[in-house]
Protein backbone atom coordinates (compact mmCIF):
# COMPACT_ATOMS: atom_id res chain seq x y z
CA UNK A 1 -107.63 -36.78 21.95
CA UNK A 2 -109.09 -33.56 20.56
CA UNK A 3 -106.80 -30.86 19.22
CA UNK A 4 -105.08 -28.86 22.00
CA UNK A 5 -105.55 -25.08 22.07
CA UNK A 6 -102.83 -24.54 24.64
CA UNK A 7 -100.82 -26.65 27.03
CA UNK A 8 -97.37 -27.55 28.34
CA UNK A 9 -95.38 -30.73 28.73
CA UNK A 10 -93.20 -30.69 31.83
CA UNK A 11 -90.22 -33.03 31.45
CA UNK A 12 -88.90 -33.70 34.97
CA UNK A 13 -85.55 -35.25 35.90
CA UNK A 14 -84.77 -35.89 39.58
CA UNK A 15 -81.31 -36.43 41.11
CA UNK A 16 -79.85 -36.85 44.57
CA UNK A 17 -76.66 -34.80 44.87
CA UNK A 18 -75.82 -34.73 48.59
CA UNK A 19 -76.74 -35.80 52.12
CA UNK A 20 -78.01 -32.30 52.88
CA UNK A 21 -77.93 -28.77 51.48
CA UNK A 22 -77.88 -25.50 53.38
CA UNK A 23 -80.56 -23.68 51.39
CA UNK A 24 -79.81 -20.31 52.99
CA UNK A 25 -76.16 -20.54 51.93
CA UNK A 26 -77.12 -21.76 48.45
CA UNK A 27 -79.61 -18.90 48.09
CA UNK A 28 -76.92 -16.41 49.10
CA UNK A 29 -74.63 -17.72 46.36
CA UNK A 30 -77.27 -17.61 43.60
CA UNK A 31 -78.82 -14.16 43.25
CA UNK A 32 -81.58 -15.34 40.90
CA UNK A 33 -82.77 -18.08 43.29
CA UNK A 34 -86.11 -17.83 45.08
CA UNK A 35 -87.99 -19.98 47.54
CA UNK A 36 -90.65 -22.23 46.00
CA UNK A 37 -94.09 -22.06 47.58
CA UNK A 38 -97.50 -23.57 46.99
CA UNK A 39 -99.62 -21.10 44.98
CA UNK A 40 -102.85 -21.90 46.86
CA UNK A 41 -104.90 -21.69 43.67
CA UNK A 42 -107.74 -23.59 45.33
CA UNK A 43 -107.74 -21.45 48.48
CA UNK A 44 -105.73 -23.92 50.47
CA UNK A 45 -105.00 -22.82 54.06
CA UNK A 46 -101.63 -21.17 54.50
CA UNK A 47 -100.30 -24.04 56.59
CA UNK A 48 -100.26 -26.24 53.48
CA UNK A 49 -96.65 -25.57 52.61
CA UNK A 50 -93.10 -26.85 52.30
CA UNK A 51 -91.04 -27.12 55.50
CA UNK A 52 -88.46 -25.88 54.66
CA UNK A 53 -89.30 -24.30 51.32
CA UNK A 54 -87.05 -25.57 48.49
CA UNK A 55 -84.97 -23.25 46.35
CA UNK A 56 -86.09 -22.47 42.78
CA UNK A 57 -83.50 -21.51 40.17
CA UNK A 58 -84.30 -20.39 36.63
CA UNK A 59 -81.60 -20.80 33.98
CA UNK A 60 -81.46 -19.61 30.40
CA UNK A 61 -81.16 -22.42 27.87
CA UNK A 62 -81.10 -22.92 24.15
CA UNK A 63 -84.26 -24.38 22.68
CA UNK A 64 -83.93 -28.07 21.90
CA UNK A 65 -85.99 -29.80 19.25
CA UNK A 66 -87.08 -33.16 20.63
CA UNK A 67 -89.34 -34.74 18.02
CA UNK A 68 -91.32 -33.37 15.12
CA UNK A 69 -92.33 -29.79 15.95
CA UNK A 70 -91.82 -29.99 19.73
CA UNK A 71 -89.25 -27.47 20.98
CA UNK A 72 -88.26 -26.84 24.60
CA UNK A 73 -88.69 -23.43 26.20
CA UNK A 74 -85.70 -21.10 26.59
CA UNK A 75 -85.89 -21.38 30.39
CA UNK A 76 -85.01 -24.44 32.50
CA UNK A 77 -86.12 -24.63 36.13
CA UNK A 78 -84.12 -26.30 38.89
CA UNK A 79 -85.61 -26.98 42.33
CA UNK A 80 -83.21 -27.72 45.21
CA UNK A 81 -84.38 -29.47 48.42
CA UNK A 82 -82.60 -29.39 51.77
CA UNK A 83 -82.32 -33.21 51.90
CA UNK A 84 -80.14 -33.24 48.75
CA UNK A 85 -82.72 -33.73 46.01
CA UNK A 86 -82.68 -31.65 42.82
CA UNK A 87 -85.23 -31.57 40.00
CA UNK A 88 -84.54 -30.26 36.51
CA UNK A 89 -87.71 -29.19 34.68
CA UNK A 90 -87.98 -28.52 30.95
CA UNK A 91 -91.12 -26.99 29.46
CA UNK A 92 -92.38 -27.88 26.01
CA UNK A 93 -95.34 -25.82 24.66
CA UNK A 94 -98.21 -27.96 23.36
CA UNK A 95 -100.65 -26.93 20.64
CA UNK A 96 -102.45 -28.65 17.79
CA UNK A 97 -102.87 -32.35 17.10
CA UNK A 98 -102.78 -34.26 20.39
CA UNK A 99 -101.88 -37.54 18.66
CA UNK A 100 -98.29 -36.26 18.48
CA UNK A 101 -97.95 -36.44 22.26
CA UNK A 102 -97.06 -40.12 22.00
CA UNK A 103 -93.78 -39.12 20.35
CA UNK A 104 -92.97 -36.74 23.20
CA UNK A 105 -91.54 -39.32 25.59
CA UNK A 106 -87.87 -38.80 24.70
CA UNK A 107 -85.36 -37.72 27.35
CA UNK A 108 -83.23 -34.58 27.33
CA UNK A 109 -79.50 -35.15 27.51
CA UNK A 110 -78.15 -32.11 29.37
CA UNK A 111 -80.02 -32.42 32.69
CA UNK A 112 -77.10 -34.15 34.43
CA UNK A 113 -74.64 -31.52 33.18
CA UNK A 114 -76.79 -28.80 34.71
CA UNK A 115 -76.90 -30.65 38.03
CA UNK A 116 -73.10 -31.07 38.02
CA UNK A 117 -72.63 -27.35 37.30
CA UNK A 118 -75.04 -26.45 40.11
CA UNK A 119 -73.23 -28.73 42.57
CA UNK A 120 -69.87 -27.14 41.76
CA UNK A 121 -71.36 -23.68 42.28
CA UNK A 122 -73.01 -24.35 45.67
CA UNK A 123 -70.50 -26.91 47.00
CA UNK A 124 -69.73 -24.90 50.20
CA UNK A 125 -73.44 -25.26 51.09
CA UNK A 126 -73.44 -29.02 50.52
CA UNK A 127 -72.77 -31.86 52.95
CA UNK A 128 -71.40 -35.18 51.59
CA UNK A 129 -71.73 -34.32 47.92
CA UNK A 130 -72.38 -37.30 45.64
CA UNK A 131 -74.60 -37.30 42.54
CA UNK A 132 -76.74 -40.44 42.37
CA UNK A 133 -75.97 -42.89 39.60
CA UNK A 134 -79.63 -43.12 38.57
CA UNK A 135 -82.26 -40.52 37.71
CA UNK A 136 -86.03 -40.46 38.05
CA UNK A 137 -87.65 -39.05 34.89
CA UNK A 138 -91.32 -38.16 34.48
CA UNK A 139 -93.52 -36.28 32.00
CA UNK A 140 -96.58 -34.23 32.88
CA UNK A 141 -98.86 -33.26 29.99
CA UNK A 142 -100.80 -30.23 31.21
CA UNK A 143 -103.64 -29.06 28.95
CA UNK A 144 -105.47 -25.75 29.42
CA UNK A 145 -108.18 -26.69 26.98
CA UNK A 146 -109.15 -28.40 23.74
CA UNK A 147 -110.28 -26.90 20.45
CA UNK A 148 -113.65 -28.61 20.77
CA UNK A 149 -115.69 -28.75 23.95
CA UNK A 150 -115.00 -32.10 25.64
CA UNK A 151 -116.26 -33.26 29.03
CA UNK A 152 -114.12 -35.37 31.34
CA UNK A 153 -116.39 -38.40 30.82
CA UNK A 154 -116.19 -38.06 27.03
CA UNK A 155 -112.42 -37.64 27.20
CA UNK A 156 -112.03 -40.86 29.17
CA UNK A 157 -114.65 -42.93 27.34
CA UNK A 158 -113.85 -41.84 23.80
CA UNK A 159 -110.10 -41.27 23.99
CA UNK A 160 -109.15 -43.62 26.85
CA UNK A 161 -107.01 -46.03 24.76
CA UNK A 162 -105.09 -43.11 23.20
CA UNK A 163 -104.49 -41.49 26.59
CA UNK A 164 -103.24 -44.82 27.97
CA UNK A 165 -100.75 -45.11 25.10
CA UNK A 166 -99.47 -41.58 25.80
CA UNK A 167 -99.10 -42.22 29.52
CA UNK A 168 -97.23 -45.48 28.95
CA UNK A 169 -95.24 -44.26 25.91
CA UNK A 170 -96.45 -47.34 24.06
CA UNK A 171 -96.96 -47.32 20.29
CA UNK A 172 -98.82 -50.66 20.26
CA UNK A 173 -102.54 -50.89 20.84
CA UNK A 174 -103.08 -51.71 24.50
CA UNK A 175 -105.44 -54.31 25.89
CA UNK A 176 -108.59 -53.26 27.70
CA UNK A 177 -107.07 -54.34 31.02
CA UNK A 178 -103.99 -52.21 30.39
CA UNK A 179 -106.11 -49.19 29.47
CA UNK A 180 -108.22 -49.58 32.62
CA UNK A 181 -105.08 -49.82 34.75
CA UNK A 182 -103.45 -46.77 33.11
CA UNK A 183 -106.54 -44.63 33.76
CA UNK A 184 -107.42 -46.00 37.20
CA UNK A 185 -105.57 -43.38 39.28
CA UNK A 186 -107.43 -40.19 38.42
CA UNK A 187 -109.08 -37.35 40.29
CA UNK A 188 -111.16 -34.23 39.48
CA UNK A 189 -111.81 -31.06 41.45
CA UNK A 190 -114.48 -29.66 39.13
CA UNK A 191 -116.56 -30.96 36.27
CA UNK A 192 -114.16 -29.71 33.61
CA UNK A 193 -110.78 -30.82 35.01
CA UNK A 194 -109.03 -34.14 35.62
CA UNK A 195 -105.61 -35.40 36.66
CA UNK A 196 -104.59 -38.91 35.60
CA UNK A 197 -101.45 -40.25 37.26
CA UNK A 198 -99.49 -43.20 35.87
CA UNK A 199 -96.02 -44.61 36.50
CA UNK A 200 -94.16 -42.84 33.67
CA UNK A 201 -96.35 -39.81 32.98
CA UNK A 202 -99.45 -37.88 33.99
CA UNK A 203 -102.15 -36.01 32.10
CA UNK A 204 -103.57 -32.91 33.80
CA UNK A 205 -106.46 -31.13 32.09
CA UNK A 206 -106.80 -27.94 34.13
CA UNK A 207 -106.29 -24.22 33.55
CA UNK A 208 -105.05 -23.70 37.11
CA UNK A 209 -102.85 -26.74 37.60
CA UNK A 210 -99.82 -25.26 39.41
CA UNK A 211 -100.54 -26.84 42.79
CA UNK A 212 -101.28 -30.25 41.25
CA UNK A 213 -98.05 -30.04 39.23
CA UNK A 214 -96.12 -29.18 42.39
CA UNK A 215 -97.49 -32.23 44.21
CA UNK A 216 -96.68 -34.51 41.25
CA UNK A 217 -93.17 -33.08 41.06
CA UNK A 218 -92.53 -33.69 44.75
CA UNK A 219 -93.91 -37.24 44.57
CA UNK A 220 -91.24 -37.98 41.96
CA UNK A 221 -88.57 -36.45 44.21
CA UNK A 222 -89.78 -38.65 47.04
CA UNK A 223 -89.70 -41.74 44.81
CA UNK A 224 -86.11 -41.00 43.75
CA UNK A 225 -85.02 -40.48 47.35
CA UNK A 226 -86.71 -43.70 48.47
CA UNK A 227 -84.97 -45.63 45.69
CA UNK A 228 -81.66 -43.99 46.60
CA UNK A 229 -82.10 -44.66 50.33
CA UNK A 230 -83.12 -48.27 49.65
CA UNK A 231 -79.91 -48.79 47.67
CA UNK A 232 -77.82 -47.18 50.42
CA UNK A 233 -79.38 -49.46 53.01
CA UNK A 234 -78.70 -52.51 50.83
CA UNK A 235 -75.02 -51.51 50.72
CA UNK A 236 -74.98 -50.80 54.46
CA UNK A 237 -76.58 -54.15 55.28
CA UNK A 238 -74.00 -55.97 53.16
CA UNK A 239 -71.14 -54.21 54.95
CA UNK A 240 -72.75 -54.71 58.37
CA UNK A 241 -73.23 -58.43 57.73
CA UNK A 242 -69.55 -58.73 56.76
CA UNK A 243 -68.60 -57.04 60.03
CA UNK A 244 -70.88 -59.38 61.99
CA UNK A 245 -69.40 -62.47 60.28
CA UNK A 246 -65.80 -61.67 61.25
CA UNK A 247 -64.41 -64.26 63.67
CA UNK A 248 -61.42 -62.39 65.02
CA UNK A 249 -61.95 -58.99 66.60
CA UNK A 250 -60.21 -56.73 69.06
CA UNK A 251 -61.59 -53.81 71.01
CA UNK A 252 -60.72 -51.31 68.28
CA UNK A 253 -62.57 -53.19 65.53
CA UNK A 254 -65.61 -53.67 67.79
CA UNK A 255 -65.82 -49.95 68.45
CA UNK A 256 -65.18 -49.11 64.80
CA UNK A 257 -67.92 -51.48 63.63
CA UNK A 258 -70.47 -50.03 66.05
CA UNK A 259 -69.52 -46.47 65.14
CA UNK A 260 -69.86 -47.13 61.40
CA UNK A 261 -73.20 -48.95 61.70
CA UNK A 262 -74.66 -46.29 63.98
CA UNK A 263 -73.61 -43.62 61.46
CA UNK A 264 -75.35 -45.52 58.65
CA UNK A 265 -78.46 -45.76 60.82
CA UNK A 266 -78.48 -42.05 61.67
CA UNK A 267 -77.84 -40.90 58.10
CA UNK A 268 -80.59 -43.13 56.72
CA UNK A 269 -83.10 -42.15 59.41
CA UNK A 270 -82.42 -38.43 58.93
CA UNK A 271 -82.88 -38.68 55.16
CA UNK A 272 -86.03 -40.77 55.55
CA UNK A 273 -87.62 -38.30 57.96
CA UNK A 274 -86.46 -35.29 55.95
CA UNK A 275 -88.09 -36.51 52.73
CA UNK A 276 -91.33 -37.62 54.37
CA UNK A 277 -91.85 -34.45 56.40
CA UNK A 278 -90.96 -31.70 53.93
CA UNK A 279 -94.41 -31.33 52.33
CA UNK A 280 -97.32 -30.64 54.67
CA UNK A 281 -100.60 -31.76 53.08
CA UNK A 282 -103.03 -31.51 55.97
CA UNK A 283 -104.44 -28.16 54.91
CA UNK A 284 -105.90 -29.08 51.52
CA UNK A 285 -107.98 -32.22 51.15
CA UNK A 286 -107.99 -32.21 47.35
CA UNK A 287 -104.22 -31.91 47.01
CA UNK A 288 -103.83 -34.48 49.79
CA UNK A 289 -105.92 -36.87 47.68
CA UNK A 290 -103.82 -36.06 44.60
CA UNK A 291 -100.71 -36.91 46.60
CA UNK A 292 -102.26 -40.08 48.05
CA UNK A 293 -103.26 -41.38 44.61
CA UNK A 294 -99.84 -40.59 43.17
CA UNK A 295 -98.15 -42.26 46.14
CA UNK A 296 -100.26 -45.37 45.54
CA UNK A 297 -99.32 -45.42 41.86
CA UNK A 298 -95.63 -44.99 42.74
CA UNK A 299 -95.89 -47.61 45.55
CA UNK A 300 -94.36 -45.15 48.01
CA UNK A 301 -95.88 -46.95 50.99
CA UNK A 302 -94.17 -50.17 49.89
CA UNK A 303 -90.87 -48.31 49.57
CA UNK A 304 -91.38 -46.87 53.07
CA UNK A 305 -92.11 -50.33 54.48
CA UNK A 306 -89.03 -51.82 52.83
CA UNK A 307 -86.81 -49.05 54.19
CA UNK A 308 -88.19 -49.37 57.71
CA UNK A 309 -87.59 -53.12 57.66
CA UNK A 310 -84.00 -52.60 56.54
CA UNK A 311 -83.47 -50.01 59.27
CA UNK A 312 -84.76 -52.55 61.78
CA UNK A 313 -82.40 -55.19 60.36
CA UNK A 314 -79.49 -52.76 60.63
CA UNK A 315 -80.47 -52.10 64.26
CA UNK A 316 -80.57 -55.87 64.87
CA UNK A 317 -77.05 -56.29 63.47
CA UNK A 318 -75.85 -53.36 65.58
CA UNK A 319 -77.33 -55.01 68.67
CA UNK A 320 -75.73 -58.37 67.87
CA UNK A 321 -72.29 -56.81 67.46
CA UNK A 322 -72.84 -54.85 70.68
CA UNK A 323 -73.79 -58.11 72.45
CA UNK A 324 -70.65 -59.76 71.09
CA UNK A 325 -68.55 -56.91 72.43
CA UNK A 326 -70.21 -57.16 75.87
CA UNK A 327 -69.75 -60.94 75.85
CA UNK A 328 -66.08 -60.60 74.92
CA UNK A 329 -65.65 -58.01 77.65
CA UNK A 330 -67.24 -60.33 80.22
CA UNK A 331 -64.95 -63.17 79.14
CA UNK A 332 -61.92 -60.95 79.60
CA UNK A 333 -63.15 -59.83 83.02
CA UNK A 334 -63.75 -63.44 84.04
CA UNK A 335 -60.19 -64.34 83.05
CA UNK A 336 -58.86 -61.34 84.96
CA UNK A 337 -60.78 -62.45 88.05
CA UNK A 338 -59.49 -66.02 87.69
CA UNK A 339 -55.92 -64.75 87.35
CA UNK A 340 -56.31 -62.49 90.39
CA UNK A 341 -57.76 -65.35 92.48
CA UNK A 342 -54.93 -67.63 91.37
CA UNK A 343 -52.35 -65.00 92.30
CA UNK A 344 -54.01 -64.44 95.68
CA UNK A 345 -53.82 -68.22 96.38
CA UNK A 346 -50.22 -68.66 95.22
CA UNK A 347 -48.80 -65.44 96.71
CA UNK A 348 -48.84 -66.62 100.39
CA UNK A 349 -46.87 -69.77 99.51
CA UNK A 350 -44.33 -67.70 97.65
CA UNK A 351 -44.07 -65.26 100.57
CA UNK A 352 -43.85 -68.11 103.14
CA UNK A 353 -41.03 -69.77 101.27
CA UNK A 354 -38.89 -66.73 101.91
C-alpha cells in the first residue's frame, strides 16, 4: 500500500467476565468511567444507540514496543457491557511505510491482567463472576489518508494482494482465490473511503471512522459471547443428558434435575437476548450494512442457529425428564389406588371375623 500519512491500529481483546454487570454500580465505583455512545458522524438518527449504553474506562499505561517502530499509546480503553463482556483496546499510531503493517499482528500480554484487576474492583456490581478461558482478539487498521492520492479502486486493484496478507497476517504470497475472499466483505460510504472486514482484522480507510470502529468492536464482542454461550450450552447438554440417563431416581432428584436444567435454560436465553438486543441498528442504513457484512464474515447467524438448536435440545431434555417424573407419579398413584382397593376388600372380612 502507499505510505500512510496518519492512522491508528486498534488492537482489541474481548473477554466474558460475568453473567451480568450492574453498570450503574460499576460507574459509581469508577470516577473516570463514562457511558459509551455512537458519535453519529454520518448524521444517524438518535435512536441508533446502545441499550443500555456500555461503560467506557480509560487507563494510563506504559508504552509497549510491539515490533520494529510500532509503540502502543499511553492510554488503554476498556469497554464494559451489562451482559458481562469486556473489551480491552490498545492504540498503535501508524505512519510511514505501510508494508510494515504485516508485522503488526502480535498480541499484547497484559490485557487479561487488566480485566482481572477491573473485575476485582467492580466485583460488588457483578453477578456470577467468571473470566472466560478464551479471548477474542482482532486488529483494526484505520487510515486517515495516504501520502499519495489513491482511489478506492486503485487501492484494491493495485495493492489487493498486500492488503489480503495484512488482513490474514500471512507472510506467504496468497493465491488469487484467497485474495478475492479476503477482500470480498467490503463497503464504502463515499468515493474516498472503504472498510474491508476479514476474520482476523479489518482495514478502514476513513477520516471519520469512529462509528464504523464501534460497530466492528461490538461485532467482536458478540462473536466472543456466542462462542462462550455455545460452550456453556455444550456443557449443559452433557450434564442434562447424564441426568436423563440415570435409571434410579426419587422425587428429590427429579425436582433437582428440573430445577438445574431450567436454570441453564434461563441463563442461556437471557445472555442470548442481552447480546443480540444491545445495539440498535435500525436508524442508520450504512452502519447496519457494515454490521451485516461483518456478521456474515464472522458467521454470527450460524452461531445464532447453533445456539437456538441447543436451547431447543435442552428444552426437549427438560420435557423428557418432566414426563418421566409425571409417569413415575402416576405409577405411584396407581399403586396407592390398588392398595386402597385391596384394603377396602379385605377390611370387611377382618371386621366380620371379630
